[in-house]
Amino acid sequence: MIDAMVERLAARLATQPDDPDGWSRLGRSYMVLSRPDKAREAYARAVKLRPDDPALQQALAEAVSAANSAGAAQPAADGAK
């Protein structure tokens, strides 16, 4: 059910992309769902629309950090360490 709501929000933003609050909500939702890569993308869109908003900049920084940490925790695709 939560996934469906998040996907509806993402679909709406795809057609109405000038909504920084919507992008921020989507970023928070992706963080809750442990999808930091998608959260990073959503927050980046919000920051692009409101570049002087320190709360959005902080949220983006946290999503970037989480995405980097998640990427480091995953094994390499070729099995190398």
N, C-alpha and C. Protein backbone atom coordinates (compact mmCIF):
# COMPACT_ATOMS: atom_id res chain seq x y z
N MET A 1 0.83 -1.18 0.00
CA MET A 1 0.00 0.00 0.00
C MET A 1 0.87 1.25 0.00
N ILE A 2 1.90 1.28 0.84
CA ILE A 2 2.79 2.44 0.89
C ILE A 2 3.53 2.59 -0.44
N ASP A 3 4.00 1.48 -0.98
CA ASP A 3 4.68 1.53 -2.28
C ASP A 3 3.78 2.13 -3.35
N ALA A 4 2.50 1.77 -3.34
CA ALA A 4 1.57 2.29 -4.34
C ALA A 4 1.41 3.80 -4.19
N MET A 5 1.34 4.29 -2.95
CA MET A 5 1.20 5.73 -2.73
C MET A 5 2.45 6.46 -3.21
N VAL A 6 3.60 5.90 -2.93
CA VAL A 6 4.86 6.53 -3.36
C VAL A 6 4.94 6.54 -4.88
N GLU A 7 4.55 5.45 -5.51
CA GLU A 7 4.58 5.38 -6.97
C GLU A 7 3.59 6.38 -7.59
N ARG A 8 2.44 6.59 -6.96
CA ARG A 8 1.50 7.59 -7.47
C ARG A 8 2.10 8.99 -7.37
N LEU A 9 2.76 9.28 -6.27
CA LEU A 9 3.41 10.57 -6.11
C LEU A 9 4.50 10.74 -7.17
N ALA A 10 5.30 9.72 -7.38
CA ALA A 10 6.35 9.80 -8.40
C ALA A 10 5.75 10.01 -9.79
N ALA A 11 4.66 9.34 -10.08
CA ALA A 11 4.01 9.50 -11.39
C ALA A 11 3.46 10.92 -11.55
N ARG A 12 2.89 11.47 -10.49
CA ARG A 12 2.37 12.83 -10.56
C ARG A 12 3.50 13.82 -10.80
N LEU A 13 4.61 13.63 -10.10
CA LEU A 13 5.75 14.53 -10.26
C LEU A 13 6.38 14.42 -11.65
N ALA A 14 6.26 13.26 -12.27
CA ALA A 14 6.78 13.10 -13.63
C ALA A 14 6.02 13.99 -14.61
N THR A 15 4.74 14.23 -14.33
CA THR A 15 3.94 15.08 -15.21
C THR A 15 3.85 16.52 -14.72
N GLN A 16 4.11 16.73 -13.43
CA GLN A 16 4.06 18.07 -12.82
C GLN A 16 5.35 18.29 -12.02
N PRO A 17 6.48 18.46 -12.69
CA PRO A 17 7.77 18.45 -12.00
C PRO A 17 8.13 19.72 -11.22
N ASP A 18 7.34 20.77 -11.31
CA ASP A 18 7.68 22.03 -10.64
C ASP A 18 7.10 22.11 -9.24
N ASP A 19 7.27 21.07 -8.45
CA ASP A 19 6.69 20.98 -7.11
C ASP A 19 7.78 20.56 -6.11
N PRO A 20 8.53 21.56 -5.57
CA PRO A 20 9.61 21.19 -4.66
C PRO A 20 9.12 20.47 -3.41
N ASP A 21 7.94 20.82 -2.92
CA ASP A 21 7.41 20.12 -1.75
C ASP A 21 7.09 18.67 -2.08
N GLY A 22 6.59 18.44 -3.27
CA GLY A 22 6.31 17.06 -3.69
C GLY A 22 7.58 16.25 -3.81
N TRP A 23 8.63 16.85 -4.40
CA TRP A 23 9.92 16.15 -4.52
C TRP A 23 10.49 15.85 -3.14
N SER A 24 10.32 16.78 -2.22
CA SER A 24 10.80 16.56 -0.86
C SER A 24 10.04 15.41 -0.19
N ARG A 25 8.72 15.39 -0.34
CA ARG A 25 7.93 14.28 0.21
C ARG A 25 8.37 12.96 -0.40
N LEU A 26 8.62 12.97 -1.70
CA LEU A 26 9.06 11.75 -2.37
C LEU A 26 10.42 11.31 -1.83
N GLY A 27 11.33 12.26 -1.63
CA GLY A 27 12.63 11.93 -1.06
C GLY A 27 12.50 11.30 0.32
N ARG A 28 11.67 11.91 1.18
CA ARG A 28 11.46 11.34 2.52
C ARG A 28 10.88 9.94 2.43
N SER A 29 9.92 9.77 1.53
CA SER A 29 9.30 8.44 1.37
C SER A 29 10.32 7.40 0.96
N TYR A 30 11.17 7.76 0.00
CA TYR A 30 12.20 6.81 -0.44
C TYR A 30 13.18 6.50 0.69
N MET A 31 13.51 7.47 1.51
CA MET A 31 14.41 7.20 2.64
C MET A 31 13.77 6.21 3.61
N VAL A 32 12.49 6.39 3.89
CA VAL A 32 11.77 5.48 4.78
C VAL A 32 11.75 4.07 4.20
N LEU A 33 11.63 3.99 2.88
CA LEU A 33 11.59 2.69 2.21
C LEU A 33 12.99 2.13 1.92
N SER A 34 14.02 2.77 2.48
CA SER A 34 15.42 2.33 2.30
C SER A 34 15.82 2.29 0.83
N ARG A 35 15.46 3.35 0.11
CA ARG A 35 15.85 3.52 -1.29
C ARG A 35 16.61 4.84 -1.44
N PRO A 36 17.82 4.91 -0.87
CA PRO A 36 18.53 6.19 -0.84
C PRO A 36 18.92 6.71 -2.22
N ASP A 37 19.14 5.84 -3.19
CA ASP A 37 19.47 6.33 -4.54
C ASP A 37 18.30 7.14 -5.11
N LYS A 38 17.10 6.61 -4.95
CA LYS A 38 15.92 7.32 -5.44
C LYS A 38 15.67 8.57 -4.60
N ALA A 39 15.93 8.51 -3.31
CA ALA A 39 15.77 9.68 -2.45
C ALA A 39 16.72 10.79 -2.90
N ARG A 40 17.95 10.41 -3.20
CA ARG A 40 18.94 11.38 -3.67
C ARG A 40 18.44 12.09 -4.92
N GLU A 41 17.88 11.34 -5.86
CA GLU A 41 17.36 11.93 -7.09
C GLU A 41 16.21 12.89 -6.81
N ALA A 42 15.31 12.48 -5.93
CA ALA A 42 14.15 13.33 -5.60
C ALA A 42 14.60 14.61 -4.90
N TYR A 43 15.49 14.49 -3.94
CA TYR A 43 15.96 15.69 -3.24
C TYR A 43 16.75 16.60 -4.18
N ALA A 44 17.48 16.02 -5.11
CA ALA A 44 18.22 16.85 -6.08
C ALA A 44 17.25 17.68 -6.91
N ARG A 45 16.11 17.10 -7.27
CA ARG A 45 15.10 17.85 -8.02
C ARG A 45 14.53 18.97 -7.17
N ALA A 46 14.28 18.69 -5.88
CA ALA A 46 13.75 19.71 -4.98
C ALA A 46 14.74 20.85 -4.81
N VAL A 47 16.01 20.52 -4.63
CA VAL A 47 17.05 21.55 -4.46
C VAL A 47 17.19 22.39 -5.72
N LYS A 48 17.05 21.76 -6.87
CA LYS A 48 17.14 22.51 -8.12
C LYS A 48 16.03 23.57 -8.19
N LEU A 49 14.86 23.24 -7.65
CA LEU A 49 13.74 24.18 -7.66
C LEU A 49 13.84 25.22 -6.55
N ARG A 50 14.49 24.85 -5.43
CA ARG A 50 14.68 25.77 -4.30
C ARG A 50 16.12 25.71 -3.82
N PRO A 51 17.04 26.29 -4.58
CA PRO A 51 18.46 26.15 -4.25
C PRO A 51 18.88 26.84 -2.95
N ASP A 52 18.10 27.76 -2.43
CA ASP A 52 18.47 28.48 -1.21
C ASP A 52 17.84 27.89 0.04
N ASP A 53 17.23 26.71 -0.06
CA ASP A 53 16.56 26.10 1.08
C ASP A 53 17.54 25.18 1.81
N PRO A 54 18.00 25.61 3.00
CA PRO A 54 19.00 24.79 3.71
C PRO A 54 18.47 23.44 4.16
N ALA A 55 17.18 23.33 4.45
CA ALA A 55 16.62 22.04 4.87
C ALA A 55 16.68 21.04 3.71
N LEU A 56 16.39 21.51 2.51
CA LEU A 56 16.47 20.62 1.34
C LEU A 56 17.91 20.24 1.06
N GLN A 57 18.83 21.18 1.21
CA GLN A 57 20.24 20.88 0.99
C GLN A 57 20.72 19.84 2.00
N GLN A 58 20.29 19.95 3.24
CA GLN A 58 20.66 18.98 4.27
C GLN A 58 20.08 17.61 3.96
N ALA A 59 18.82 17.58 3.54
CA ALA A 59 18.18 16.31 3.20
C ALA A 59 18.90 15.65 2.03
N LEU A 60 19.30 16.44 1.04
CA LEU A 60 20.04 15.90 -0.10
C LEU A 60 21.38 15.33 0.37
N ALA A 61 22.07 16.06 1.22
CA ALA A 61 23.37 15.58 1.72
C ALA A 61 23.21 14.25 2.47
N GLU A 62 22.16 14.13 3.26
CA GLU A 62 21.92 12.89 3.99
C GLU A 62 21.59 11.75 3.04
N ALA A 63 20.80 12.03 1.99
CA ALA A 63 20.47 10.99 1.03
C ALA A 63 21.70 10.55 0.24
N VAL A 64 22.56 11.51 -0.12
CA VAL A 64 23.80 11.18 -0.82
C VAL A 64 24.67 10.28 0.06
N SER A 65 24.79 10.65 1.33
CA SER A 65 25.59 9.84 2.25
C SER A 65 25.02 8.43 2.40
N ALA A 66 23.70 8.34 2.54
CA ALA A 66 23.07 7.03 2.68
C ALA A 66 23.24 6.21 1.41
N ALA A 67 23.11 6.85 0.25
CA ALA A 67 23.27 6.13 -1.01
C ALA A 67 24.70 5.63 -1.16
N ASN A 68 25.68 6.46 -0.78
CA ASN A 68 27.08 6.05 -0.85
C ASN A 68 27.35 4.89 0.09
N SER A 69 26.79 4.95 1.29
CA SER A 69 26.97 3.87 2.26
C SER A 69 26.32 2.58 1.77
N ALA A 70 25.15 2.69 1.18
CA ALA A 70 24.45 1.51 0.68
C ALA A 70 25.22 0.89 -0.47
N GLY A 71 25.80 1.73 -1.31
CA GLY A 71 26.59 1.23 -2.43
C GLY A 71 27.84 0.52 -1.97
N ALA A 72 28.46 1.04 -0.92
CA ALA A 72 29.68 0.43 -0.39
C ALA A 72 29.38 -0.90 0.29
N ALA A 73 28.15 -1.07 0.78
CA ALA A 73 27.79 -2.28 1.49
C ALA A 73 27.44 -3.42 0.55
N GLN A 74 27.19 -3.09 -0.73
CA GLN A 74 26.82 -4.13 -1.68
C GLN A 74 28.07 -4.75 -2.31
N PRO A 75 28.06 -6.05 -2.54
CA PRO A 75 29.22 -6.68 -3.18
C PRO A 75 29.32 -6.23 -4.63
N ALA A 76 30.51 -6.28 -5.17
CA ALA A 76 30.73 -5.92 -6.56
C ALA A 76 30.00 -6.90 -7.46
N ALA A 77 29.55 -6.43 -8.61
CA ALA A 77 28.78 -7.25 -9.52
C ALA A 77 29.57 -8.44 -10.04
N ASP A 78 30.88 -8.29 -10.18
CA ASP A 78 31.71 -9.38 -10.69
C ASP A 78 32.22 -10.32 -9.60
N GLY A 79 31.78 -10.05 -8.38
CA GLY A 79 32.20 -10.89 -7.27
C GLY A 79 33.51 -10.46 -6.64
N ALA A 80 34.17 -9.44 -7.18
CA ALA A 80 35.43 -8.96 -6.61
C ALA A 80 35.16 -8.20 -5.33
N LYS A 81 36.15 -8.19 -4.46
CA LYS A 81 36.00 -7.44 -3.20
C LYS A 81 36.82 -6.21 -3.22
